[in-house]
Amino acid sequence: MVFKLKPLTVDNIYLILKNAIKNPEGLGNYKIKIEDNTLKKIAEISNGDVRTALNSLEIAVLTTAVNDDGVIEITNEIAANSVGRKKVIFDKSGDSHYDNISAFIKSMRGSDPDATVFYLARAIEGGEDPVFLARRIVIAAAEDVGLANPNALVVANSAMQAVASVGMPEARIILSEAAVYVANSKKSNATYLAIDRALEDVRTKDTGEIPMHIRNAPVSNMEKFGYGQGYKYPHDYPNHVVEQQYLPDKMLGTKYYVKDDTID
């Protein structure tokens, strides 16, 4: 059986914090003054993790001096210092890892630079390997941008090398530049589809033999058997193009690469 556990809402955590202040088994034995908006801020920053919220509230109470009225007054500033950085719900070995990287890739593919940077930031803050993220950008540049903007692959590959050389925290800038470039590029998956179609045929069909005239003849005697005979050297013809058969007889007429409108 599979159970999907959802994070608690801000209101859920707020009520738990409110109860913790009143409950004698919690912080109820302390005289605490804290505004509702401050409690809600702690609940919001905890990002669905009630343990983080309760720990933050407890730290705020235990580290704040009692005022002249015998009351521990928790201000927004005290609460913020107790919470520290907003907790990122991110398990690199679990579903969060796969969900976030999927969203990152699909945002680049979907040409949304803002979503791309958002999921990149989640990945970085969650402790993802920056080189792993760079590799995903390289793959997206080839798979989703392709020949619509071949320079995307050059940028992504350069970014991957730079990330490996520079390291964090500066690598975040390189990753952002490359990811946004890919997201903003025109898209084409024509070459991705082409190689997968060709691989499927190679794996599952009798594709015939390579035509003799385009085979290599490193030894002169091989020409007697037809190797390389009749080959037309394209550069000897106008525009460096000449009509001749390249596919095996059994594969004549097969189309693998279908150019789309995004490719100039």
Protein backbone atom coordinates (compact mmCIF):
# COMPACT_ATOMS: atom_id res chain seq x y z
CA MET A 1 0.00 0.00 0.00
CA VAL A 2 1.19 3.52 -0.81
CA PHE A 3 0.29 6.47 1.40
CA LYS A 4 1.03 10.03 0.34
CA LEU A 5 1.85 12.20 3.36
CA LYS A 6 1.04 15.86 2.87
CA PRO A 7 2.72 18.68 4.80
CA LEU A 8 0.77 20.48 7.51
CA THR A 9 -0.68 23.85 6.57
CA VAL A 10 0.36 27.11 8.18
CA ASP A 11 -2.96 27.18 10.05
CA ASN A 12 -2.38 23.63 11.34
CA ILE A 13 1.04 24.53 12.71
CA TYR A 14 -0.21 27.83 14.12
CA LEU A 15 -2.80 25.95 16.20
CA ILE A 16 -0.14 23.51 17.43
CA LEU A 17 2.10 26.41 18.49
CA LYS A 18 -0.84 28.11 20.18
CA ASN A 19 -1.54 24.92 22.12
CA ALA A 20 2.14 24.51 23.03
CA ILE A 21 2.11 27.90 24.76
CA LYS A 22 -0.91 26.95 26.86
CA ASN A 23 -0.11 23.30 27.55
CA PRO A 24 1.70 22.69 30.90
CA GLU A 25 3.53 19.78 29.26
CA GLY A 26 4.80 22.20 26.66
CA LEU A 27 5.57 25.86 27.40
CA GLY A 28 2.49 26.52 29.49
CA ASN A 29 4.48 27.03 32.69
CA TYR A 30 6.13 30.13 31.23
CA LYS A 31 4.51 33.56 31.08
CA ILE A 32 4.78 34.20 27.36
CA LYS A 33 3.61 37.15 25.35
CA ILE A 34 3.61 36.64 21.59
CA GLU A 35 1.41 38.17 18.93
CA ASP A 36 -0.64 35.93 16.63
CA ASN A 37 1.14 37.29 13.56
CA THR A 38 4.50 36.29 15.08
CA LEU A 39 3.25 32.76 15.73
CA LYS A 40 1.96 32.57 12.18
CA LYS A 41 5.35 33.76 10.90
CA ILE A 42 7.07 30.91 12.74
CA ALA A 43 4.50 28.51 11.29
CA GLU A 44 5.08 29.84 7.78
CA ILE A 45 8.86 29.69 7.91
CA SER A 46 8.78 26.08 9.15
CA ASN A 47 7.53 25.05 5.70
CA GLY A 48 5.17 22.34 6.88
CA ASP A 49 7.53 20.81 9.47
CA VAL A 50 5.94 21.08 12.92
CA ARG A 51 9.14 19.95 14.67
CA THR A 52 11.01 22.93 13.24
CA ALA A 53 8.24 25.27 14.37
CA LEU A 54 8.11 23.88 17.92
CA ASN A 55 11.91 23.87 18.24
CA SER A 56 12.08 27.46 17.05
CA LEU A 57 9.40 28.58 19.51
CA GLU A 58 11.14 26.76 22.37
CA ILE A 59 14.51 28.33 21.51
CA ALA A 60 12.88 31.77 21.45
CA VAL A 61 11.32 31.22 24.87
CA LEU A 62 14.39 29.73 26.54
CA THR A 63 16.83 32.33 25.20
CA THR A 64 14.76 35.45 25.90
CA ALA A 65 15.12 37.23 29.21
CA VAL A 66 12.10 37.88 31.40
CA ASN A 67 11.05 41.55 31.42
CA ASP A 68 10.21 43.66 34.49
CA ASP A 69 6.69 42.23 34.53
CA GLY A 70 7.97 38.66 34.67
CA VAL A 71 6.91 38.01 31.09
CA ILE A 72 8.87 36.54 28.20
CA GLU A 73 7.97 38.73 25.25
CA ILE A 74 8.68 37.18 21.86
CA THR A 75 8.92 39.80 19.13
CA ASN A 76 9.11 39.23 15.37
CA GLU A 77 12.87 39.86 15.50
CA ILE A 78 13.42 37.30 18.29
CA ALA A 79 11.30 34.76 16.44
CA ALA A 80 13.22 35.32 13.19
CA ASN A 81 16.56 34.84 14.94
CA SER A 82 15.31 31.63 16.53
CA VAL A 83 14.06 30.16 13.27
CA GLY A 84 17.05 31.18 11.18
CA ARG A 85 16.84 30.21 7.54
CA LYS A 86 13.58 28.91 6.15
CA LYS A 87 13.55 25.12 6.28
CA VAL A 88 13.71 23.48 2.88
CA ILE A 89 11.69 20.29 2.60
CA PHE A 90 14.02 18.34 0.38
CA ASP A 91 15.13 14.74 0.62
CA LYS A 92 17.85 14.10 -1.94
CA SER A 93 17.27 10.36 -1.79
CA GLY A 94 13.46 10.41 -1.87
CA ASP A 95 10.49 11.65 -3.85
CA SER A 96 11.35 15.31 -3.27
CA HIS A 97 14.56 14.89 -5.26
CA TYR A 98 12.78 13.35 -8.24
CA ASP A 99 9.83 15.75 -8.08
CA ASN A 100 12.04 18.81 -7.96
CA ILE A 101 14.44 17.79 -10.70
CA SER A 102 11.47 16.82 -12.89
CA ALA A 103 9.92 20.24 -12.33
CA PHE A 104 13.28 21.90 -13.09
CA ILE A 105 13.69 20.06 -16.38
CA LYS A 106 10.08 20.59 -17.46
CA SER A 107 10.29 24.30 -16.66
CA MET A 108 13.31 24.65 -18.96
CA ARG A 109 11.49 22.65 -21.63
CA GLY A 110 8.39 24.78 -21.14
CA SER A 111 10.35 28.03 -21.65
CA ASP A 112 9.56 29.42 -18.18
CA PRO A 113 12.76 31.05 -16.83
CA ASP A 114 11.17 32.07 -13.53
CA ALA A 115 10.02 28.55 -12.68
CA THR A 116 13.40 27.26 -13.87
CA VAL A 117 15.29 29.49 -11.43
CA PHE A 118 12.85 28.66 -8.62
CA TYR A 119 13.36 24.90 -8.89
CA LEU A 120 17.09 25.42 -9.39
CA ALA A 121 17.16 27.39 -6.13
CA ARG A 122 15.26 24.61 -4.33
CA ALA A 123 17.76 22.09 -5.63
CA ILE A 124 20.76 24.17 -4.56
CA GLU A 125 19.32 24.91 -1.14
CA GLY A 126 18.44 21.24 -0.74
CA GLY A 127 22.06 20.27 -1.23
CA GLU A 128 21.98 18.84 -4.75
CA ASP A 129 25.36 18.26 -6.39
CA PRO A 130 25.91 21.31 -8.66
CA VAL A 131 27.62 19.15 -11.29
CA PHE A 132 24.55 16.90 -11.40
CA LEU A 133 22.39 19.98 -12.01
CA ALA A 134 24.78 21.15 -14.74
CA ARG A 135 24.51 17.76 -16.47
CA ARG A 136 20.72 18.07 -16.51
CA ILE A 137 21.05 21.46 -18.20
CA VAL A 138 23.36 19.96 -20.82
CA ILE A 139 20.86 17.19 -21.51
CA ALA A 140 18.01 19.70 -21.81
CA ALA A 141 20.06 21.77 -24.25
CA ALA A 142 20.49 18.74 -26.52
CA GLU A 143 17.11 17.09 -26.03
CA ASP A 144 14.76 20.06 -25.92
CA VAL A 145 16.58 22.91 -27.67
CA GLY A 146 18.57 20.96 -30.22
CA LEU A 147 19.14 22.58 -33.59
CA ALA A 148 16.65 25.37 -32.86
CA ASN A 149 19.60 26.96 -31.06
CA PRO A 150 22.76 24.81 -31.26
CA ASN A 151 24.63 27.36 -29.15
CA ALA A 152 22.59 26.24 -26.12
CA LEU A 153 24.61 23.04 -25.95
CA VAL A 154 27.86 25.03 -26.14
CA VAL A 155 26.72 27.30 -23.30
CA ALA A 156 25.48 24.39 -21.17
CA ASN A 157 28.64 22.33 -21.66
CA SER A 158 30.84 25.33 -20.84
CA ALA A 159 28.73 25.91 -17.74
CA MET A 160 29.20 22.30 -16.63
CA GLN A 161 32.98 22.63 -16.92
CA ALA A 162 32.94 25.97 -15.10
CA VAL A 163 30.77 24.59 -12.29
CA ALA A 164 33.18 21.69 -11.80
CA SER A 165 36.13 24.10 -11.72
CA VAL A 166 34.67 26.89 -9.59
CA GLY A 167 32.44 25.03 -7.13
CA MET A 168 29.87 26.51 -4.79
CA PRO A 169 28.72 29.09 -3.90
CA GLU A 170 29.71 30.89 -7.12
CA ALA A 171 28.59 27.92 -9.22
CA ARG A 172 24.99 28.97 -8.52
CA ILE A 173 25.50 31.96 -10.83
CA ILE A 174 26.81 29.77 -13.64
CA LEU A 175 23.96 27.31 -13.23
CA SER A 176 21.40 30.10 -13.31
CA GLU A 177 22.89 31.62 -16.46
CA ALA A 178 22.92 28.32 -18.33
CA ALA A 179 19.47 27.21 -17.15
CA VAL A 180 17.83 30.51 -18.06
CA TYR A 181 19.57 30.48 -21.44
CA VAL A 182 18.13 27.04 -22.17
CA ALA A 183 14.69 28.07 -20.92
CA ASN A 184 14.66 31.16 -23.16
CA SER A 185 15.88 29.33 -26.26
CA LYS A 186 13.66 28.15 -29.10
CA LYS A 187 12.85 24.49 -28.77
CA SER A 188 13.17 21.50 -31.08
CA ASN A 189 13.37 17.79 -30.29
CA ALA A 190 13.85 16.77 -33.93
CA THR A 191 17.33 15.29 -33.45
CA TYR A 192 16.27 13.53 -30.24
CA LEU A 193 13.38 11.85 -32.05
CA ALA A 194 15.59 11.07 -35.05
CA ILE A 195 18.20 9.08 -33.12
CA ASP A 196 15.54 7.17 -31.15
CA ARG A 197 13.71 6.21 -34.36
CA ALA A 198 16.98 5.07 -35.95
CA LEU A 199 17.99 3.09 -32.85
CA GLU A 200 14.63 1.34 -32.84
CA ASP A 201 15.10 0.26 -36.46
CA VAL A 202 18.68 -0.88 -35.88
CA ARG A 203 17.55 -2.97 -32.91
CA THR A 204 14.43 -4.52 -34.40
CA LYS A 205 14.72 -4.65 -38.21
CA ASP A 206 16.77 -6.24 -40.91
CA THR A 207 18.18 -2.98 -42.21
CA GLY A 208 20.23 -4.44 -45.05
CA GLU A 209 23.82 -3.73 -46.04
CA ILE A 210 25.71 -0.48 -46.43
CA PRO A 211 25.84 0.50 -50.14
CA MET A 212 29.17 -0.46 -51.70
CA HIS A 213 29.94 2.99 -53.12
CA ILE A 214 30.06 4.62 -49.65
CA ARG A 215 32.09 1.89 -48.00
CA ASN A 216 35.72 2.50 -47.13
CA ALA A 217 38.45 0.97 -49.29
CA PRO A 218 41.69 1.39 -47.33
CA VAL A 219 43.43 -1.24 -49.47
CA SER A 220 43.50 -0.68 -53.22
CA ASN A 221 42.63 -4.30 -54.01
CA MET A 222 39.31 -3.87 -52.21
CA GLU A 223 38.12 -1.62 -55.02
CA LYS A 224 38.01 -4.70 -57.24
CA PHE A 225 35.16 -5.94 -55.07
CA GLY A 226 33.25 -2.69 -55.49
CA TYR A 227 34.30 -0.93 -52.31
CA GLY A 228 34.08 2.83 -52.85
CA GLN A 229 33.41 2.49 -56.59
CA GLY A 230 31.04 5.10 -57.99
CA TYR A 231 31.20 7.36 -54.97
CA LYS A 232 30.53 11.00 -55.79
CA TYR A 233 32.58 13.46 -53.73
CA PRO A 234 30.03 16.21 -52.79
CA HIS A 235 32.60 19.03 -52.80
CA ASP A 236 33.15 18.45 -56.52
CA TYR A 237 29.56 19.52 -57.21
CA PRO A 238 27.66 22.84 -57.07
CA ASN A 239 26.78 23.93 -53.53
CA HIS A 240 28.77 20.91 -52.29
CA VAL A 241 25.74 18.64 -52.67
CA VAL A 242 25.14 15.71 -55.00
CA GLU A 243 22.32 13.19 -55.19
CA GLN A 244 23.37 9.63 -54.44
CA GLN A 245 22.17 6.74 -52.31
CA TYR A 246 23.32 6.64 -48.71
CA LEU A 247 20.79 4.40 -46.95
CA PRO A 248 20.80 0.63 -47.48
CA ASP A 249 18.37 -0.66 -50.11
CA LYS A 250 16.04 -2.02 -47.42
CA MET A 251 15.84 1.37 -45.72
CA LEU A 252 15.34 3.60 -48.78
CA GLY A 253 12.74 6.30 -48.19
CA THR A 254 12.97 6.10 -44.40
CA LYS A 255 12.75 9.49 -42.65
CA TYR A 256 14.35 9.86 -39.25
CA TYR A 257 15.15 13.56 -39.04
CA VAL A 258 12.11 15.73 -39.62
CA LYS A 259 13.00 19.42 -39.50
CA ASP A 260 10.48 21.56 -37.65
CA ASP A 261 9.56 25.24 -37.95
CA THR A 262 11.77 26.37 -35.06
CA ILE A 263 14.95 25.37 -36.88
CA ASP A 264 16.29 28.08 -39.17
